[in-house]
C-alpha atoms as a PDB file:
ATOM      1  CA  MET A   1      39.833 -64.379 -22.246  1.00  0.00           C
ATOM      2  CA  ALA A   2      43.750 -65.559 -22.501  1.00  0.00           C
ATOM      3  CA  THR A   3      43.854 -69.101 -23.335  1.00  0.00           C
ATOM      4  CA  ARG A   4      46.487 -70.950 -20.488  1.00  0.00           C
ATOM      5  CA  THR A   5      49.227 -73.359 -21.201  1.00  0.00           C
ATOM      6  CA  LYS A   6      49.960 -76.365 -19.460  1.00  0.00           C
ATOM      7  CA  PRO A   7      52.901 -76.235 -17.975  1.00  0.00           C
ATOM      8  CA  GLY A   8      55.642 -76.785 -19.810  1.00  0.00           C
ATOM      9  CA  GLU A   9      53.905 -76.677 -23.202  1.00  0.00           C
ATOM     10  CA  GLY A  10      55.249 -73.917 -25.420  1.00  0.00           C
ATOM     11  CA  LYS A  11      58.398 -73.825 -23.427  1.00  0.00           C
ATOM     12  CA  GLN A  12      61.920 -74.778 -24.407  1.00  0.00           C
ATOM     13  CA  ASN A  13      65.327 -75.378 -22.153  1.00  0.00           C
ATOM     14  CA  VAL A  14      67.933 -74.003 -23.142  1.00  0.00           C
ATOM     15  CA  THR A  15      71.872 -73.734 -22.072  1.00  0.00           C
ATOM     16  CA  LEU A  16      74.045 -70.086 -21.670  1.00  0.00           C
ATOM     17  CA  SER A  17      77.823 -70.522 -21.162  1.00  0.00           C
ATOM     18  CA  LEU A  18      78.380 -67.643 -18.242  1.00  0.00           C
ATOM     19  CA  ASP A  19      81.278 -66.140 -16.180  1.00  0.00           C
ATOM     20  CA  LYS A  20      81.375 -67.868 -13.085  1.00  0.00           C
ATOM     21  CA  GLU A  21      81.605 -64.919 -11.084  1.00  0.00           C
ATOM     22  CA  LEU A  22      78.218 -63.339 -13.492  1.00  0.00           C
ATOM     23  CA  LEU A  23      76.750 -66.548 -12.744  1.00  0.00           C
ATOM     24  CA  ALA A  24      77.427 -66.430  -8.301  1.00  0.00           C
ATOM     25  CA  ARG A  25      76.001 -62.588  -8.731  1.00  0.00           C
ATOM     26  CA  ALA A  26      72.773 -62.938 -10.716  1.00  0.00           C
ATOM     27  CA  ARG A  27      71.778 -65.975  -7.922  1.00  0.00           C
ATOM     28  CA  VAL A  28      72.673 -63.512  -5.395  1.00  0.00           C
ATOM     29  CA  TYR A  29      70.293 -61.210  -7.498  1.00  0.00           C
ATOM     30  CA  ALA A  30      67.737 -63.167  -7.848  1.00  0.00           C
ATOM     31  CA  ALA A  31      67.838 -65.248  -4.408  1.00  0.00           C
ATOM     32  CA  HIS A  32      67.688 -61.587  -3.469  1.00  0.00           C
ATOM     33  CA  HIS A  33      64.593 -60.448  -5.202  1.00  0.00           C
ATOM     34  CA  GLY A  34      62.361 -63.674  -4.027  1.00  0.00           C
ATOM     35  CA  LEU A  35      63.087 -64.523  -7.665  1.00  0.00           C
ATOM     36  CA  SER A  36      63.919 -67.637  -9.468  1.00  0.00           C
ATOM     37  CA  LEU A  37      67.641 -67.539 -12.260  1.00  0.00           C
ATOM     38  CA  THR A  38      65.134 -68.863 -15.035  1.00  0.00           C
ATOM     39  CA  ARG A  39      62.726 -65.445 -13.658  1.00  0.00           C
ATOM     40  CA  LEU A  40      65.180 -63.330 -13.414  1.00  0.00           C
ATOM     41  CA  LEU A  41      66.696 -63.903 -16.885  1.00  0.00           C
ATOM     42  CA  VAL A  42      63.064 -64.430 -18.142  1.00  0.00           C
ATOM     43  CA  GLU A  43      62.327 -61.056 -17.333  1.00  0.00           C
ATOM     44  CA  THR A  44      65.156 -59.227 -18.427  1.00  0.00           C
ATOM     45  CA  LEU A  45      64.527 -60.367 -21.314  1.00  0.00           C
ATOM     46  CA  GLU A  46      61.093 -59.532 -21.293  1.00  0.00           C
ATOM     47  CA  GLU A  47      61.835 -56.183 -20.726  1.00  0.00           C
ATOM     48  CA  ARG A  48      64.870 -55.494 -23.270  1.00  0.00           C
ATOM     49  CA  LEU A  49      61.968 -56.500 -25.972  1.00  0.00           C
ATOM     50  CA  ARG A  50      59.681 -54.149 -25.118  1.00  0.00           C
ATOM     51  CA  ARG A  51      61.649 -51.709 -24.666  1.00  0.00           C
ATOM     52  CA  ASP A  52      63.168 -52.284 -27.561  1.00  0.00           C
ATOM     53  CA  ALA A  53      59.456 -52.410 -29.021  1.00  0.00           C
ATOM     54  CA  ASN A  54      58.219 -49.250 -27.855  1.00  0.00           C
ATOM     55  CA  TYR A  55      61.664 -47.367 -28.743  1.00  0.00           C
ATOM     56  CA  GLU A  56      60.881 -48.667 -32.683  1.00  0.00           C
ATOM     57  CA  ALA A  57      56.868 -47.737 -32.304  1.00  0.00           C
ATOM     58  CA  ALA A  58      58.086 -44.342 -31.225  1.00  0.00           C
ATOM     59  CA  ARG A  59      60.898 -44.223 -33.776  1.00  0.00           C
ATOM     60  CA  ARG A  60      58.128 -44.887 -36.493  1.00  0.00           C
ATOM     61  CA  ARG A  61      55.667 -42.102 -35.347  1.00  0.00           C
ATOM     62  CA  ALA A  62      58.061 -39.841 -35.208  1.00  0.00           C
ATOM     63  CA  VAL A  63      59.305 -40.089 -38.644  1.00  0.00           C
ATOM     64  CA  ALA A  64      55.734 -40.008 -39.566  1.00  0.00           C
ATOM     65  CA  ARG A  65      55.489 -36.721 -37.932  1.00  0.00           C
ATOM     66  CA  LEU A  66      58.097 -35.404 -39.588  1.00  0.00           C
ATOM     67  CA  LYS A  67      56.729 -36.458 -43.264  1.00  0.00           C
ATOM     68  CA  ARG A  68      53.652 -34.862 -42.347  1.00  0.00           C
ATOM     69  CA  GLY A  69      55.397 -32.008 -41.698  1.00  0.00           C
ATOM     70  CA  ILE A  70      53.409 -29.051 -38.935  1.00  0.00           C
ATOM     71  CA  ASP A  71      50.513 -28.045 -39.372  1.00  0.00           C
ATOM     72  CA  PHE A  72      50.361 -24.925 -37.738  1.00  0.00           C
ATOM     73  CA  GLY A  73      46.998 -22.932 -39.570  1.00  0.00           C
ATOM     74  CA  GLY A  74      48.550 -20.457 -41.909  1.00  0.00           C
ATOM     75  CA  PRO A  75      47.902 -20.464 -45.401  1.00  0.00           C
ATOM     76  CA  THR A  76      51.007 -21.966 -47.311  1.00  0.00           C
ATOM     77  CA  PRO A  77      53.067 -19.699 -48.262  1.00  0.00           C
ATOM     78  CA  THR A  78      53.611 -19.598 -52.266  1.00  0.00           C
ATOM     79  CA  ILE A  79      56.524 -17.137 -52.042  1.00  0.00           C
ATOM     80  CA  PRO A  80      59.211 -18.479 -55.132  1.00  0.00           C
ATOM     81  CA  ARG A  81      62.579 -19.441 -54.219  1.00  0.00           C
ATOM     82  CA  GLU A  82      64.072 -16.590 -55.864  1.00  0.00           C
ATOM     83  CA  ASP A  83      61.590 -14.097 -53.820  1.00  0.00           C
ATOM     84  CA  LEU A  84      63.428 -15.208 -50.492  1.00  0.00           C
ATOM     85  CA  TYR A  85      66.902 -14.610 -51.323  1.00  0.00           C
ATOM     86  CA  ASP A  86      68.670 -12.267 -52.698  1.00  0.00           C
ATOM     87  CA  ARG A  87      71.026 -12.956 -55.163  1.00  0.00           C
END
């Protein structure tokens, strides 16, 4: 069971410098979606970080599969390299 933190515990205020037009648009967007500006920023950051973590995990799995190679179920060919190419 997850433990709940008390309101404000584990949180820290930050100061952002935003373009006035961007801030105005963000406020309208948040209000339109029933969110506070803080909640909008938190959800956006969480989503971006989650996507990045998912991408990195997928990349690690893909690299591991490439290193393992693909087993096609047949015997491993033991043909000498010289026999593969006519030179």
